[in-house]
Amino acid sequence: KFEGYVERLHVNVTGQAVTRGQPMFEVYSAELVSAQREYAIAAQGVAALKDAGSQAQTGMQQLAQSSLLRLKNWDISDEQIKALSTSGATLRTLTFRSPASGIVMEKKAVQGMRFMPGEVLYRVADLSRLWVIADVFEQDLALVKNGSKAQVSINAYPDKTYTGTVTYVYPTLTAETRTVPVRVELANPGGLIKPGMFAQVEIHVSGKNKVVTVPVSAMIDSGARQVVLVQAAEGRFEPREVKVGARSDNYIEIIDGVAEGEQVVTTANFLIDAESNLQAALKGFASAPQAQASKADAASSAAPASAGHHGEGTVEEVDVKTGTVSLSHGPIASLKWPAMTMEFKAANAALLQDLKPGTKVAFEFVERAPGEWVITSVKK
């Protein structure tokens, strides 16, 4: 806010903890000395003219008020201003104190340096409470509200869980990942969480009425459609194409296709990991009566699947729990995509079991819903 020189540093280390009001540094500024002198003269003049006419008093009070505002705009403390008005003695240097308790995140001040208006000398941050920025897929965004509770797990401390609150849902979407940032605020006892750490966030959403669900392992997801194998009779199963809703780590809501109480196959489905394998598997499950399906059913099963795409890239991160993988891939000609890093969902979590960061892979994927890119096949 003014030009001057750093005379002395009281805080000389980045990362040092400071308390509110603790001396940080001392500065000399000709402008500051002049402003002090002007205010001291004006303050003393107000006192001297208390018995003078109202016009003289008003003029001196306006001068004193103007000088006072100038000092306050320069962040001179009330204690320093009070001492100045009482004694009338100007100080060659003034001490600036920390405005809040926290940690020195940045220190640019060097003893003897000249600084200019607007230049940052220190940055102090209070790390007792932090923001965690979580990326929420657009199809899940309607479930997230301000005030929702969230459980935060920090990768550095896998045995600890922190409780936070959603305080802001950002108004923009990240086009590359089809996600919306959501801000979660939480306490940071002991200062264990450091800015820039990675975290896993689980946001609690309002519950629905009772719904039909199946285990995640029961779903055969080719990326183009979702199928569940339902027990039709003892030892015989039939494939059912289903419409799915909300998902959790272990269960998927079934909106249409399976009724409550029906038994479904929950193991070995991972062997059917792509649309071509799915077609072959479903033919094997078709029974003689099913082969006599109506023309409408035949037309439905023959409907074209979503167009598939091929890519090659390197695995950056794998999360088997959420069924996602981050890939740095080359250009995708069929979509006119440039090379980039993005996150994909896996049609089945089993596709991710042998993947590790750094693995080079060739993969097939489809757009299951607008902006939802799903890997259906992975080859090393």
Protein backbone atom coordinates (compact mmCIF):
# COMPACT_ATOMS: atom_id res chain seq x y z
CA LYS A 1 0.00 0.00 0.00
CA PHE A 2 3.04 2.25 0.27
CA GLU A 3 6.69 2.22 -0.73
CA GLY A 4 9.39 1.49 1.82
CA TYR A 5 12.25 -0.69 3.06
CA VAL A 6 12.31 -3.79 5.28
CA GLU A 7 14.41 -2.83 8.30
CA ARG A 8 14.15 -5.98 10.40
CA LEU A 9 12.55 -9.43 10.24
CA HIS A 10 11.01 -11.07 13.29
CA VAL A 11 9.76 -14.11 11.33
CA ASN A 12 12.42 -15.42 9.01
CA VAL A 13 11.37 -19.00 8.17
CA THR A 14 8.71 -20.37 5.83
CA GLY A 15 6.54 -22.89 7.68
CA GLN A 16 6.91 -21.13 11.03
CA ALA A 17 3.80 -21.04 13.22
CA VAL A 18 2.68 -17.55 14.22
CA THR A 19 -0.08 -16.21 16.47
CA ARG A 20 -2.41 -13.30 15.91
CA GLY A 21 -0.65 -10.05 16.83
CA GLN A 22 2.86 -11.53 16.75
CA PRO A 23 5.49 -9.11 15.29
CA MET A 24 6.39 -10.12 11.72
CA PHE A 25 8.68 -7.35 10.42
CA GLU A 26 9.60 -3.68 10.77
CA VAL A 27 9.59 -1.20 7.91
CA TYR A 28 10.86 2.30 7.17
CA SER A 29 8.94 4.50 4.75
CA ALA A 30 9.25 8.24 4.16
CA GLU A 31 5.54 8.26 3.30
CA LEU A 32 4.73 6.56 6.59
CA VAL A 33 6.82 8.98 8.64
CA SER A 34 5.17 11.92 6.87
CA ALA A 35 1.69 10.52 7.49
CA GLN A 36 2.50 9.99 11.18
CA ARG A 37 3.74 13.55 11.54
CA GLU A 38 0.68 14.92 9.80
CA TYR A 39 -1.67 12.98 12.09
CA ALA A 40 0.26 13.91 15.25
CA ILE A 41 0.09 17.61 14.38
CA ALA A 42 -3.61 17.38 13.54
CA ALA A 43 -4.43 15.45 16.74
CA GLN A 44 -2.56 17.95 18.87
CA GLY A 45 -4.24 20.80 16.97
CA VAL A 46 -7.69 19.41 17.77
CA ALA A 47 -6.79 19.39 21.47
CA ALA A 48 -5.31 22.91 21.30
CA LEU A 49 -8.36 24.38 19.56
CA LYS A 50 -11.00 22.91 21.84
CA ASP A 51 -11.85 26.39 23.08
CA ALA A 52 -11.60 28.05 19.65
CA GLY A 53 -14.46 28.72 17.28
CA SER A 54 -16.41 25.89 15.70
CA GLN A 55 -15.07 26.65 12.21
CA ALA A 56 -11.45 26.26 13.33
CA GLN A 57 -12.28 23.07 15.26
CA THR A 58 -14.14 21.56 12.30
CA GLY A 59 -11.24 22.22 9.92
CA MET A 60 -8.68 20.66 12.25
CA GLN A 61 -10.92 17.65 12.97
CA GLN A 62 -11.32 17.01 9.23
CA LEU A 63 -7.54 17.12 8.81
CA ALA A 64 -7.06 14.71 11.72
CA GLN A 65 -9.74 12.36 10.38
CA SER A 66 -8.18 12.34 6.93
CA SER A 67 -4.73 11.55 8.37
CA LEU A 68 -6.24 8.81 10.58
CA LEU A 69 -7.94 7.10 7.65
CA ARG A 70 -4.69 7.17 5.70
CA LEU A 71 -2.86 5.37 8.52
CA LYS A 72 -5.65 2.79 8.92
CA ASN A 73 -5.66 2.11 5.20
CA TRP A 74 -1.98 1.27 5.57
CA ASP A 75 -2.85 -1.33 8.28
CA ILE A 76 -1.33 0.65 11.14
CA SER A 77 -2.73 -0.87 14.35
CA ASP A 78 -5.08 1.01 16.67
CA GLU A 79 -2.51 0.71 19.49
CA GLN A 80 0.16 2.41 17.38
CA ILE A 81 -2.25 5.17 16.32
CA LYS A 82 -3.31 5.75 19.94
CA ALA A 83 0.31 6.01 21.08
CA LEU A 84 1.02 8.45 18.26
CA SER A 85 -1.92 10.74 19.17
CA THR A 86 -0.96 10.66 22.86
CA SER A 87 2.78 11.29 22.62
CA GLY A 88 2.96 13.10 19.30
CA ALA A 89 6.29 11.39 18.65
CA THR A 90 6.67 9.81 15.20
CA LEU A 91 8.52 6.53 14.85
CA ARG A 92 11.19 5.96 12.20
CA THR A 93 10.10 2.35 11.79
CA LEU A 94 6.79 0.65 12.38
CA THR A 95 6.22 -2.99 13.31
CA PHE A 96 3.68 -5.03 11.36
CA ARG A 97 2.03 -7.93 13.14
CA SER A 98 0.36 -11.13 11.97
CA PRO A 99 -3.34 -10.54 11.28
CA ALA A 100 -4.22 -14.15 12.21
CA SER A 101 -2.82 -17.26 13.82
CA GLY A 102 -1.50 -19.80 11.35
CA ILE A 103 1.49 -21.00 9.34
CA VAL A 104 3.79 -18.87 7.18
CA MET A 105 3.11 -20.35 3.74
CA GLU A 106 5.24 -17.88 1.79
CA LYS A 107 7.98 -15.41 2.76
CA LYS A 108 9.36 -12.97 0.22
CA ALA A 109 10.62 -10.34 2.67
CA VAL A 110 14.40 -9.97 2.96
CA GLN A 111 16.05 -7.59 5.38
CA GLY A 112 17.06 -4.38 3.59
CA MET A 113 14.89 -4.98 0.53
CA ARG A 114 12.81 -2.25 -1.02
CA PHE A 115 9.13 -3.02 -1.54
CA MET A 116 6.51 -1.34 -3.68
CA PRO A 117 2.75 -0.88 -3.21
CA GLY A 118 0.89 -4.15 -3.82
CA GLU A 119 3.92 -6.38 -3.30
CA VAL A 120 3.35 -9.49 -1.15
CA LEU A 121 5.87 -9.89 1.69
CA TYR A 122 4.27 -12.76 3.67
CA ARG A 123 1.39 -15.16 3.28
CA VAL A 124 -0.06 -16.65 6.47
CA ALA A 125 -2.72 -19.39 6.38
CA ASP A 126 -4.82 -20.84 9.18
CA LEU A 127 -4.64 -24.62 8.63
CA SER A 128 -6.88 -25.58 11.55
CA ARG A 129 -9.72 -25.88 9.02
CA LEU A 130 -9.23 -26.90 5.40
CA TRP A 131 -11.11 -27.24 2.14
CA VAL A 132 -11.12 -30.53 0.27
CA ILE A 133 -12.09 -30.16 -3.40
CA ALA A 134 -13.84 -33.33 -4.55
CA ASP A 135 -14.75 -34.12 -8.17
CA VAL A 136 -18.32 -35.44 -8.49
CA PHE A 137 -19.53 -37.07 -11.71
CA GLU A 138 -22.30 -35.10 -13.38
CA GLN A 139 -24.80 -37.98 -13.14
CA ASP A 140 -24.38 -37.94 -9.33
CA LEU A 141 -24.53 -34.18 -8.90
CA ALA A 142 -28.28 -34.00 -8.21
CA LEU A 143 -27.72 -35.98 -5.00
CA VAL A 144 -25.17 -33.53 -3.56
CA LYS A 145 -26.45 -30.56 -1.54
CA ASN A 146 -24.89 -27.83 0.57
CA GLY A 147 -24.80 -29.08 4.16
CA SER A 148 -24.40 -32.74 3.21
CA LYS A 149 -22.04 -34.64 5.49
CA ALA A 150 -18.93 -36.22 4.00
CA GLN A 151 -16.36 -38.76 5.15
CA VAL A 152 -12.82 -37.93 4.01
CA SER A 153 -9.98 -40.46 3.92
CA ILE A 154 -6.49 -39.10 3.32
CA ASN A 155 -4.16 -41.38 1.36
CA ALA A 156 -1.31 -40.55 3.75
CA TYR A 157 -3.33 -41.70 6.80
CA PRO A 158 -5.41 -44.71 5.68
CA ASP A 159 -6.43 -45.56 9.26
CA LYS A 160 -7.97 -42.13 9.92
CA THR A 161 -11.33 -40.79 8.75
CA TYR A 162 -12.30 -37.13 8.91
CA THR A 163 -15.85 -35.78 8.94
CA GLY A 164 -16.62 -32.68 6.89
CA THR A 165 -19.51 -30.73 5.40
CA VAL A 166 -20.27 -29.77 1.81
CA THR A 167 -20.19 -25.95 1.78
CA TYR A 168 -20.19 -25.16 -1.94
CA VAL A 169 -20.98 -26.81 -5.26
CA TYR A 170 -19.06 -25.05 -8.03
CA PRO A 171 -21.12 -23.65 -10.92
CA THR A 172 -18.91 -25.01 -13.70
CA LEU A 173 -18.17 -28.48 -15.08
CA THR A 174 -14.76 -29.82 -16.11
CA ALA A 175 -15.37 -30.93 -19.69
CA GLU A 176 -12.41 -33.33 -19.88
CA THR A 177 -13.55 -35.48 -16.93
CA ARG A 178 -17.29 -34.62 -16.90
CA THR A 179 -17.05 -33.77 -13.20
CA VAL A 180 -18.08 -30.83 -11.04
CA PRO A 181 -15.86 -29.65 -8.15
CA VAL A 182 -17.50 -29.75 -4.72
CA ARG A 183 -15.96 -28.05 -1.68
CA VAL A 184 -15.92 -29.95 1.61
CA GLU A 185 -14.83 -28.11 4.75
CA LEU A 186 -13.33 -30.06 7.64
CA ALA A 187 -11.30 -29.64 10.81
CA ASN A 188 -7.58 -30.44 10.75
CA PRO A 189 -6.66 -31.39 14.31
CA GLY A 190 -2.93 -31.56 14.85
CA GLY A 191 -2.28 -30.14 11.39
CA LEU A 192 -1.79 -33.62 9.92
CA ILE A 193 -3.48 -32.79 6.62
CA LYS A 194 -1.20 -30.79 4.33
CA PRO A 195 -2.37 -28.63 1.41
CA GLY A 196 -2.10 -30.55 -1.86
CA MET A 197 -2.63 -34.05 -0.39
CA PHE A 198 -4.90 -36.53 -2.21
CA ALA A 199 -8.07 -37.76 -0.52
CA GLN A 200 -11.07 -40.04 -1.06
CA VAL A 201 -14.42 -38.38 -0.29
CA GLU A 202 -17.70 -40.15 0.43
CA ILE A 203 -20.67 -37.78 0.51
CA HIS A 204 -23.79 -38.85 2.38
CA VAL A 205 -26.92 -38.30 0.31
CA SER A 206 -30.59 -38.30 1.31
CA GLY A 207 -32.06 -41.75 1.24
CA LYS A 208 -34.83 -42.82 -1.12
CA ASN A 209 -37.81 -45.05 -0.43
CA LYS A 210 -37.03 -48.76 -0.60
CA VAL A 211 -35.71 -49.77 -4.01
CA VAL A 212 -34.69 -53.00 -5.72
CA THR A 213 -30.92 -53.49 -5.78
CA VAL A 214 -28.47 -56.15 -6.90
CA PRO A 215 -24.83 -56.63 -5.93
CA VAL A 216 -22.33 -54.88 -8.19
CA SER A 217 -20.87 -58.29 -9.06
CA ALA A 218 -24.24 -59.37 -10.52
CA MET A 219 -24.17 -56.70 -13.21
CA ILE A 220 -22.82 -57.59 -16.66
CA ASP A 221 -22.04 -54.19 -18.10
CA SER A 222 -20.73 -54.09 -21.66
CA GLY A 223 -20.81 -50.33 -21.68
CA ALA A 224 -23.56 -50.42 -24.29
CA ARG A 225 -26.13 -52.13 -22.05
CA GLN A 226 -26.51 -53.69 -18.62
CA VAL A 227 -27.66 -57.30 -18.15
CA VAL A 228 -28.39 -59.45 -15.09
CA LEU A 229 -28.66 -63.27 -15.14
CA VAL A 230 -31.87 -64.22 -13.28
CA GLN A 231 -32.79 -67.73 -12.11
CA ALA A 232 -35.77 -68.89 -14.22
CA ALA A 233 -35.95 -72.41 -12.79
CA GLU A 234 -33.75 -74.82 -10.89
CA GLY A 235 -30.43 -74.90 -12.73
CA ARG A 236 -31.64 -72.59 -15.51
CA PHE A 237 -31.00 -68.88 -15.89
CA GLU A 238 -32.21 -66.19 -18.26
CA PRO A 239 -30.54 -62.90 -19.19
CA ARG A 240 -32.46 -59.72 -18.40
CA GLU A 241 -31.54 -56.30 -19.75
CA VAL A 242 -32.08 -53.83 -16.93
CA LYS A 243 -32.34 -50.11 -16.38
CA VAL A 244 -30.09 -48.97 -13.54
CA GLY A 245 -30.24 -46.02 -11.16
CA ALA A 246 -28.05 -44.91 -8.28
CA ARG A 247 -24.86 -46.81 -7.49
CA SER A 248 -22.84 -47.41 -4.34
CA ASP A 249 -19.64 -49.32 -3.69
CA ASN A 250 -21.48 -52.64 -3.34
CA TYR A 251 -24.98 -52.31 -4.83
CA ILE A 252 -26.73 -50.93 -7.91
CA GLU A 253 -30.35 -49.78 -7.97
CA ILE A 254 -32.52 -51.56 -10.55
CA ILE A 255 -35.26 -49.31 -11.92
CA ASP A 256 -36.65 -51.87 -14.35
CA GLY A 257 -35.93 -55.47 -15.38
CA VAL A 258 -35.68 -57.39 -12.09
CA ALA A 259 -38.35 -57.76 -9.41
CA GLU A 260 -37.88 -57.94 -5.66
CA GLY A 261 -37.11 -61.47 -4.46
CA GLU A 262 -35.80 -62.84 -7.76
CA GLN A 263 -32.44 -64.60 -7.50
CA VAL A 264 -29.52 -63.41 -9.62
CA VAL A 265 -26.07 -64.75 -10.47
CA THR A 266 -23.41 -62.82 -8.53
CA THR A 267 -20.13 -64.60 -9.42
CA ALA A 268 -18.10 -65.33 -12.57
CA ASN A 269 -19.76 -62.48 -14.47
CA PHE A 270 -16.36 -60.81 -14.83
CA LEU A 271 -15.61 -63.32 -17.61
CA ILE A 272 -18.08 -61.46 -19.79
CA ASP A 273 -16.23 -58.18 -20.11
CA ALA A 274 -17.13 -56.89 -23.57
CA GLU A 275 -20.12 -56.69 -25.90
CA SER A 276 -18.82 -59.49 -28.15
CA ASN A 277 -18.42 -61.86 -25.20
CA LEU A 278 -21.80 -60.77 -23.88
CA GLN A 279 -23.59 -61.68 -27.13
CA ALA A 280 -22.00 -65.14 -27.13
CA ALA A 281 -22.80 -65.73 -23.46
CA LEU A 282 -26.43 -64.70 -23.79
CA LYS A 283 -26.92 -67.08 -26.72
CA GLY A 284 -25.70 -69.92 -24.50
CA PHE A 285 -28.22 -69.02 -21.82
CA ALA A 286 -31.16 -68.87 -24.21
CA SER A 287 -33.53 -71.83 -23.71
CA ALA A 288 -35.69 -73.48 -26.37
CA PRO A 289 -38.87 -71.57 -25.44
CA GLN A 290 -36.92 -68.33 -25.42
CA ALA A 291 -35.73 -68.99 -28.95
CA GLN A 292 -39.38 -68.57 -29.99
CA ALA A 293 -39.38 -64.94 -28.83
CA SER A 294 -41.63 -62.47 -30.51
CA LYS A 295 -40.49 -60.36 -33.45
CA ALA A 296 -40.54 -57.34 -31.21
CA ASP A 297 -38.10 -58.99 -28.80
CA ALA A 298 -35.89 -60.09 -31.67
CA ALA A 299 -35.84 -56.59 -33.04
CA SER A 300 -34.95 -55.25 -29.61
CA SER A 301 -32.04 -57.65 -29.15
CA ALA A 302 -30.78 -56.82 -32.61
CA ALA A 303 -30.75 -53.07 -31.94
CA PRO A 304 -27.33 -51.60 -32.59
CA ALA A 305 -25.10 -50.97 -29.59
CA SER A 306 -23.34 -47.71 -28.85
CA ALA A 307 -20.32 -47.14 -31.05
CA GLY A 308 -17.09 -48.37 -29.51
CA HIS A 309 -13.74 -46.60 -29.56
CA HIS A 310 -10.16 -47.78 -29.28
CA GLY A 311 -7.27 -46.16 -27.47
CA GLU A 312 -3.78 -46.80 -26.15
CA GLY A 313 -2.21 -45.22 -23.11
CA THR A 314 -0.57 -45.54 -19.72
CA VAL A 315 -2.29 -46.20 -16.39
CA GLU A 316 -1.91 -43.25 -13.99
CA GLU A 317 -4.16 -44.32 -11.11
CA VAL A 318 -6.48 -47.25 -10.34
CA ASP A 319 -9.34 -47.24 -7.82
CA VAL A 320 -10.89 -50.71 -7.69
CA LYS A 321 -13.27 -49.59 -4.93
CA THR A 322 -15.01 -47.04 -7.16
CA GLY A 323 -14.37 -48.96 -10.38
CA THR A 324 -12.42 -46.15 -12.05
CA VAL A 325 -9.06 -45.83 -13.77
CA SER A 326 -7.14 -42.71 -14.84
CA LEU A 327 -5.32 -43.10 -18.18
CA SER A 328 -2.91 -40.88 -20.08
CA HIS A 329 -3.90 -41.85 -23.61
CA GLY A 330 -2.91 -40.85 -27.10
CA PRO A 331 -5.24 -39.22 -29.64
CA ILE A 332 -8.60 -40.98 -30.18
CA ALA A 333 -9.23 -40.65 -33.92
CA SER A 334 -12.87 -41.81 -33.82
CA LEU A 335 -13.76 -38.97 -31.43
CA LYS A 336 -11.19 -36.45 -32.69
CA TRP A 337 -9.78 -36.26 -29.16
CA PRO A 338 -6.22 -35.03 -28.58
CA ALA A 339 -3.85 -36.84 -26.25
CA MET A 340 -4.83 -36.20 -22.62
CA THR A 341 -5.25 -37.70 -19.15
CA MET A 342 -8.79 -38.54 -18.05
CA GLU A 343 -10.75 -40.89 -15.82
CA PHE A 344 -12.84 -43.80 -17.13
CA LYS A 345 -15.31 -46.08 -15.42
CA ALA A 346 -14.81 -49.81 -15.82
CA ALA A 347 -17.69 -51.92 -17.08
CA ASN A 348 -16.64 -54.46 -14.46
CA ALA A 349 -14.24 -54.00 -11.56
CA ALA A 350 -12.46 -57.22 -12.57
CA LEU A 351 -11.00 -55.34 -15.56
CA LEU A 352 -8.89 -53.32 -13.10
CA GLN A 353 -7.54 -56.15 -10.96
CA ASP A 354 -4.17 -56.53 -12.70
CA LEU A 355 -3.62 -52.87 -13.59
CA LYS A 356 -0.98 -50.78 -11.86
CA PRO A 357 0.26 -47.22 -12.39
CA GLY A 358 2.74 -47.17 -15.27
CA THR A 359 1.19 -50.12 -17.12
CA LYS A 360 0.82 -49.55 -20.88
CA VAL A 361 -2.53 -50.78 -22.17
CA ALA A 362 -4.77 -50.92 -25.23
CA PHE A 363 -8.43 -50.46 -24.37
CA GLU A 364 -11.91 -50.34 -25.83
CA PHE A 365 -14.54 -47.96 -24.48
CA VAL A 366 -18.05 -46.64 -25.15
CA GLU A 367 -20.21 -43.71 -24.05
CA ARG A 368 -22.80 -45.37 -21.84
CA ALA A 369 -24.54 -42.08 -21.01
CA PRO A 370 -23.78 -38.52 -22.11
CA GLY A 371 -20.31 -37.77 -20.81
CA GLU A 372 -19.95 -41.19 -19.09
CA TRP A 373 -17.07 -43.06 -20.75
CA VAL A 374 -16.88 -46.75 -19.85
CA ILE A 375 -14.01 -49.16 -20.59
CA THR A 376 -15.26 -52.52 -21.82
CA SER A 377 -11.96 -54.25 -22.58
CA VAL A 378 -8.33 -53.83 -21.51
CA LYS A 379 -5.23 -55.55 -22.91
CA LYS A 380 -1.66 -55.06 -21.73
